[in-house]
Protein backbone atom coordinates (compact mmCIF):
# COMPACT_ATOMS: atom_id res chain seq x y z
CA MET A 1 -15.87 19.12 -11.36
CA LYS A 2 -13.75 16.06 -11.95
CA ILE A 3 -11.65 17.85 -14.54
CA VAL A 4 -11.15 20.76 -12.07
CA PHE A 5 -9.92 18.27 -9.32
CA ILE A 6 -7.42 16.80 -11.69
CA ILE A 7 -6.14 20.11 -12.95
CA VAL A 8 -5.75 21.38 -9.35
CA GLN A 9 -3.57 18.39 -8.56
CA TYR A 10 -1.24 19.21 -11.47
CA LEU A 11 -0.95 22.78 -10.16
CA LEU A 12 -0.44 22.22 -6.58
CA PRO A 13 3.10 21.99 -5.02
CA GLN A 14 2.43 18.26 -4.26
CA HIS A 15 5.49 17.62 -2.20
CA LEU A 16 5.57 20.79 -0.26
CA LEU A 17 1.92 20.46 0.65
CA SER A 18 2.42 16.80 1.77
CA ARG A 19 5.49 17.75 3.91
CA LEU A 20 3.49 20.69 5.53
CA VAL A 21 0.58 18.30 6.33
CA GLY A 22 3.25 15.88 7.71
CA LYS A 23 4.52 18.60 10.13
CA LEU A 24 0.96 19.23 11.30
CA ALA A 25 0.26 15.55 11.80
CA GLU A 26 3.39 15.42 14.04
CA ALA A 27 2.25 18.34 16.21
CA ARG A 28 2.13 17.40 19.92
CA LEU A 29 0.09 20.41 21.31
CA PRO A 30 -2.69 18.69 23.21
CA TRP A 31 -5.49 20.92 22.05
CA LEU A 32 -4.44 20.79 18.43
CA LYS A 33 -3.78 17.09 18.10
CA ASN A 34 -6.92 16.26 20.04
CA LEU A 35 -8.98 18.48 17.72
CA LEU A 36 -7.58 17.05 14.64
CA ILE A 37 -8.16 13.38 15.80
CA LYS A 38 -11.63 13.96 17.08
CA GLN A 39 -12.71 15.76 14.01
CA PHE A 40 -11.23 12.91 11.91
CA ILE A 41 -13.05 10.24 13.79
CA LYS A 42 -16.33 12.14 13.42
CA ALA A 43 -15.85 12.84 9.61
CA TYR A 44 -14.89 9.32 8.75
CA ASP A 45 -16.75 7.26 11.33
CA VAL A 46 -13.56 5.63 12.56
CA GLN A 47 -14.27 2.44 14.61
CA MET A 48 -12.18 3.12 17.67
CA GLU A 49 -13.50 0.10 19.47
CA GLU A 50 -11.20 -2.03 17.16
CA ALA A 51 -8.12 -0.08 18.24
CA GLN A 52 -5.63 -1.37 20.78
CA GLU A 53 -5.98 2.07 22.38
CA SER A 54 -9.57 3.38 22.06
CA ASP A 55 -8.98 6.68 23.92
CA ALA A 56 -8.59 9.21 21.21
CA GLU A 57 -6.75 11.65 23.46
CA SER A 58 -4.04 9.13 24.48
CA TYR A 59 -2.26 9.44 21.21
CA ALA A 60 0.89 11.57 21.14
CA ASN A 61 -0.05 13.14 17.77
CA PHE A 62 -2.16 12.61 14.74
CA ASN A 63 0.22 10.25 13.03
CA ALA A 64 0.33 8.07 16.08
CA PHE A 65 -3.57 7.84 15.92
CA PHE A 66 -3.61 7.36 12.10
CA THR A 67 -1.20 4.37 12.31
CA ARG A 68 -2.86 2.97 15.44
CA ALA A 69 -2.54 -0.79 16.22
CA LEU A 70 -5.68 -3.07 16.22
CA ARG A 71 -6.76 -5.09 19.16
CA ASP A 72 -5.70 -8.79 18.99
CA GLY A 73 -8.22 -11.04 17.28
CA VAL A 74 -10.18 -8.35 15.39
CA ARG A 75 -8.75 -9.30 12.02
CA PRO A 76 -8.62 -13.25 11.85
CA LEU A 77 -5.87 -14.58 9.56
CA ALA A 78 -6.76 -16.78 6.54
CA GLU A 79 -5.66 -20.35 7.33
CA GLY A 80 -3.59 -22.96 5.54
CA ASN A 81 -2.26 -22.18 2.11
CA LEU A 82 -4.66 -19.28 1.48
CA LEU A 83 -3.03 -15.87 0.89
CA ALA A 84 -4.15 -13.27 3.29
CA CYS A 85 -5.30 -9.70 2.29
CA PRO A 86 -2.59 -7.29 3.33
CA ALA A 87 -4.73 -4.32 4.34
CA ASP A 88 -8.13 -3.02 5.10
CA GLY A 89 -9.45 -0.98 2.08
CA ALA A 90 -11.11 -1.87 -1.20
CA ILE A 91 -9.98 -3.49 -4.47
CA SER A 92 -9.23 -0.86 -7.08
CA GLN A 93 -8.42 -3.53 -9.72
CA LEU A 94 -7.01 -7.01 -9.91
CA GLY A 95 -6.24 -9.60 -12.67
CA ASP A 96 -3.46 -10.59 -14.96
CA ILE A 97 -0.41 -8.67 -16.06
CA LYS A 98 -0.87 -8.72 -19.87
CA ALA A 99 1.96 -7.82 -22.32
CA GLY A 100 3.75 -6.01 -19.48
CA ARG A 101 0.77 -3.81 -18.74
CA ILE A 102 -1.29 -3.46 -15.59
CA PHE A 103 -4.93 -2.36 -15.78
CA GLN A 104 -5.60 0.92 -13.85
CA ALA A 105 -9.18 1.97 -14.54
CA LYS A 106 -11.64 2.58 -17.43
CA GLY A 107 -9.29 1.99 -20.36
CA GLN A 108 -6.21 3.15 -18.52
CA ASP A 109 -3.26 0.89 -18.09
CA TYR A 110 0.32 1.41 -17.27
CA SER A 111 3.79 -0.22 -17.68
CA LEU A 112 5.06 -2.84 -15.33
CA LEU A 113 8.56 -1.96 -16.10
CA LYS A 114 7.96 1.69 -15.24
CA LEU A 115 6.19 0.68 -12.00
CA LEU A 116 9.35 -1.26 -10.98
CA GLY A 117 11.56 1.74 -11.74
CA GLY A 118 12.93 0.47 -14.98
CA ASP A 119 14.47 -2.78 -13.63
CA LYS A 120 14.21 -5.12 -16.47
CA ALA A 121 15.45 -8.25 -14.61
CA LEU A 122 12.72 -7.59 -11.93
CA GLU A 123 10.14 -7.03 -14.61
CA ALA A 124 10.87 -10.47 -16.20
CA GLU A 125 9.90 -12.07 -12.90
CA PHE A 126 6.37 -10.79 -13.00
CA LEU A 127 5.58 -10.72 -16.82
CA GLY A 128 2.34 -12.69 -17.39
CA GLY A 129 1.76 -12.83 -13.58
CA SER A 130 -1.03 -11.44 -11.40
CA PHE A 131 -1.68 -8.15 -9.69
CA ALA A 132 -3.99 -6.65 -7.17
CA THR A 133 -4.34 -3.03 -6.31
CA ILE A 134 -5.84 -2.17 -2.91
CA TYR A 135 -6.97 1.38 -1.99
CA LEU A 136 -6.81 2.51 1.57
CA SER A 137 -9.36 5.20 2.31
CA PRO A 138 -8.88 7.71 5.21
CA LYS A 139 -11.19 5.68 7.57
CA ASP A 140 -9.16 2.44 7.14
CA TYR A 141 -6.51 0.80 9.31
CA HIS A 142 -3.28 1.88 7.77
CA ARG A 143 -0.76 -0.73 8.56
CA VAL A 144 0.11 -3.22 5.85
CA HIS A 145 0.77 -6.86 6.58
CA MET A 146 2.25 -9.98 4.88
CA PRO A 147 -0.03 -12.11 2.62
CA VAL A 148 2.40 -15.08 2.99
CA ASN A 149 5.62 -15.90 4.72
CA GLY A 150 8.48 -14.05 2.95
CA LYS A 151 12.20 -13.27 3.01
CA LEU A 152 12.94 -9.74 1.83
CA ARG A 153 15.34 -9.66 -1.09
CA SER A 154 15.38 -5.97 -1.99
CA MET A 155 13.62 -2.66 -1.59
CA HIS A 156 13.49 -0.02 -4.37
CA TYR A 157 12.69 3.51 -3.41
CA ILE A 158 11.38 5.35 -6.50
CA PRO A 159 10.80 9.15 -6.34
CA GLY A 160 7.74 10.56 -8.16
CA GLN A 161 4.69 12.82 -7.92
CA LEU A 162 2.04 12.70 -5.39
CA PHE A 163 -1.27 12.59 -7.09
CA SER A 164 -4.36 11.43 -5.13
CA VAL A 165 -4.93 7.78 -5.61
CA ASN A 166 -8.78 7.76 -5.45
CA THR A 167 -11.09 6.42 -8.26
CA THR A 168 -11.42 9.82 -9.95
CA THR A 169 -7.77 10.28 -10.26
CA ALA A 170 -7.09 6.70 -11.32
CA GLU A 171 -9.59 7.16 -14.22
CA ASN A 172 -8.17 10.49 -15.44
CA VAL A 173 -4.40 10.51 -14.79
CA ASN A 174 -2.19 8.33 -17.09
CA ASP A 175 0.29 6.00 -15.53
CA LEU A 176 -0.89 7.07 -12.00
CA PHE A 177 0.79 4.35 -9.95
CA ALA A 178 3.91 4.38 -12.04
CA ARG A 179 4.20 8.22 -11.66
CA ASN A 180 3.72 8.45 -7.88
CA GLU A 181 6.45 8.08 -5.31
CA ARG A 182 6.61 4.51 -4.10
CA ALA A 183 8.59 1.81 -2.27
CA VAL A 184 8.87 -1.60 -4.16
CA CYS A 185 9.55 -4.39 -1.56
CA VAL A 186 10.45 -7.70 -3.24
CA PHE A 187 10.13 -10.97 -1.24
CA ASP A 188 10.94 -14.51 -1.96
CA THR A 189 8.00 -16.74 -0.96
CA GLU A 190 6.79 -20.32 -1.35
CA HIS A 191 4.79 -18.99 -4.26
CA GLY A 192 7.92 -17.54 -5.99
CA PRO A 193 8.77 -13.78 -6.02
CA MET A 194 6.20 -11.34 -4.56
CA ALA A 195 6.35 -7.50 -4.80
CA MET A 196 4.51 -5.34 -2.29
CA ILE A 197 4.41 -1.80 -3.56
CA LEU A 198 3.51 0.96 -1.15
CA VAL A 199 2.39 3.91 -3.22
CA GLY A 200 2.56 7.46 -1.95
CA ALA A 201 -0.19 10.03 -2.55
CA MET A 202 -1.30 13.57 -2.01
CA ILE A 203 -0.68 14.68 1.63
CA VAL A 204 0.77 11.23 2.46
CA ALA A 205 3.40 12.34 4.97
CA GLY A 206 5.45 9.21 4.94
CA ILE A 207 5.83 5.57 3.93
CA GLU A 208 7.48 3.21 6.58
CA THR A 209 8.66 -0.31 6.70
CA VAL A 210 9.30 -2.45 9.80
CA TRP A 211 12.93 -3.02 8.87
CA GLU A 212 14.00 0.48 7.88
CA GLY A 213 11.51 2.90 9.39
CA GLN A 214 10.61 5.87 7.17
CA VAL A 215 11.68 5.27 3.52
CA ALA A 216 9.90 8.32 1.94
CA PRO A 217 10.56 11.02 1.65
CA LEU A 218 14.13 10.72 0.76
CA GLU A 219 16.37 12.56 -1.68
CA ARG A 220 14.84 12.59 -5.13
CA ARG A 221 16.70 9.54 -6.61
CA VAL A 222 16.09 5.92 -7.14
CA ARG A 223 17.64 3.98 -4.28
CA VAL A 224 17.87 0.12 -4.28
CA THR A 225 18.81 -1.69 -1.08
CA ASP A 226 19.59 -5.49 -1.33
CA TYR A 227 18.95 -7.65 1.69
CA ASP A 228 20.86 -10.71 0.69
CA GLN A 229 23.98 -11.62 2.67
CA PRO A 230 25.85 -9.90 4.24
CA ALA A 231 23.07 -7.46 4.80
CA PRO A 232 20.70 -8.27 7.74
CA ILE A 233 18.19 -11.06 6.83
CA VAL A 234 14.62 -9.88 7.08
CA GLU A 235 12.08 -12.71 7.30
CA LEU A 236 8.41 -11.93 7.96
CA LYS A 237 5.61 -14.42 8.62
CA LYS A 238 2.12 -14.37 7.13
CA GLY A 239 0.07 -11.76 8.90
CA GLU A 240 3.01 -9.81 10.39
CA GLU A 241 3.19 -6.12 9.71
CA MET A 242 5.57 -5.07 6.97
CA GLY A 243 4.90 -1.28 6.74
CA ARG A 244 2.51 1.62 7.12
CA PHE A 245 1.32 4.86 5.69
CA LYS A 246 1.19 8.19 7.46
CA LEU A 247 -2.17 9.11 5.79
CA GLY A 248 -3.83 6.91 3.21
CA SER A 249 -2.73 5.43 -0.08
CA THR A 250 -2.48 2.19 -2.16
CA VAL A 251 -0.81 -1.14 -1.92
CA ILE A 252 -0.03 -3.11 -5.18
CA LEU A 253 0.66 -6.91 -4.93
CA LEU A 254 2.52 -8.66 -7.76
CA PHE A 255 3.05 -12.43 -8.29
CA GLY A 256 4.66 -14.37 -11.06
CA GLN A 257 3.01 -16.29 -13.84
CA ASP A 258 0.81 -19.24 -12.87
CA LYS A 259 1.65 -18.91 -9.17
CA ILE A 260 -1.67 -17.68 -7.56
CA GLU A 261 -5.36 -17.00 -8.33
CA TRP A 262 -7.37 -14.28 -6.80
CA LEU A 263 -10.61 -15.60 -5.15
CA ASP A 264 -13.75 -15.15 -7.31
CA LYS A 265 -15.47 -12.84 -4.81
CA PHE A 266 -12.97 -10.07 -5.46
CA GLU A 267 -13.49 -7.56 -8.20
CA ALA A 268 -13.17 -3.76 -8.65
CA GLY A 269 -14.90 -2.08 -5.66
CA THR A 270 -14.95 -5.04 -3.39
CA PRO A 271 -14.15 -4.00 0.27
CA THR A 272 -11.17 -5.77 1.89
CA ARG A 273 -10.36 -6.73 5.44
CA LEU A 274 -6.82 -7.33 6.64
CA GLY A 275 -6.17 -11.05 7.06
CA GLU A 276 -9.17 -12.39 5.05
CA ALA A 277 -8.51 -14.96 2.29
CA LEU A 278 -7.59 -13.09 -0.86
CA ALA A 279 -6.03 -15.72 -3.16
CA GLN A 280 -4.95 -19.41 -3.39
CA PRO A 281 -2.01 -21.11 -5.00
CA THR A 282 -2.72 -22.05 -8.61
CA ALA A 283 -1.98 -25.77 -7.86
CA ILE A 284 -4.70 -25.78 -5.33
CA ALA A 285 -7.08 -23.90 -7.74
CA GLU A 286 -6.59 -26.61 -10.33
CA ASP A 287 -7.29 -29.54 -8.04
C-alpha cells in the first residue's frame, strides 16, 4: 500500500488539488464550515479547551479554526538561554549537517544547497551546522513561533511540488523537503544565523508570515526579499509568532557550526510542544 500511496502523489495534480481544498477551507457557509470543523475535531481529537476560542461554531471558516490561537499560558516558554521549540508536532529528524547533506529518513538525505534554493553564500553559513525537522500533524496547533530573539534578514520563496510530508513519504521520496514549495526565513540571532524553513505539502492551502501575510502560493519563480535597510526592520522576540500553515506541514530549523546543541531527550519520533526547551548554546553545553 505504501508504494500505491507514493505513486498516487506523483500522479495527482498537486497544486490544483491544494488550491481547491484551500477554497473549501475559506468557505463561510455556516452549515458547511461547521460540519467541516466538527468532523475534524472528532477525527483528530483536537483539544479545543486549549484554544483561545473554544466554541467551534464561532470560527468564520475552517482556516480560521485550523490556525486558531492558544490561550495564554498553555505553552510555557523555555527560560534563560535555552532555545524554545517553535511548534507543536514531532521530531522527524535532527542532528548535524554533514558534507552539505541533511538526513531525511532511512538512508535518505538531501542537499542543503538545494533546500536553500541554490544560494551558495547562504549555504556556506550553515555547512557543518545543526538541523531539526519538526512535522506538524493535522491535530496540532499550526502557528510557528521564534526559538530565540531574531532580526529578519531575508525571506526566500522557493516554488516546488506538494508531496505529503508524513513519515511514509519521507522514507520513499528522494529530496522531499528540497522538492516541495517552501519559504526560507533567515534571521540574525545571538547564536549566529538561523533559518526557519516553512515547507508546503499536499493540500496545504497557504504559508503565511506575520510580516508579509500569505507568501505561498505565488507565481512559480524564486523570489528573495531582503529586510535590511531601507526595507522595514522586522525583529521578533523568542516565543513570538512568526508564521502559520493553512493545513499541516513541516518546519526545518538550521543553525551554523558549533552554535547550538539539541537536548538529549529529542530523537526521531519525539513529540514536541511549542515553547519547551529544544536546544542550548554550545558554550553552555561545554561548561
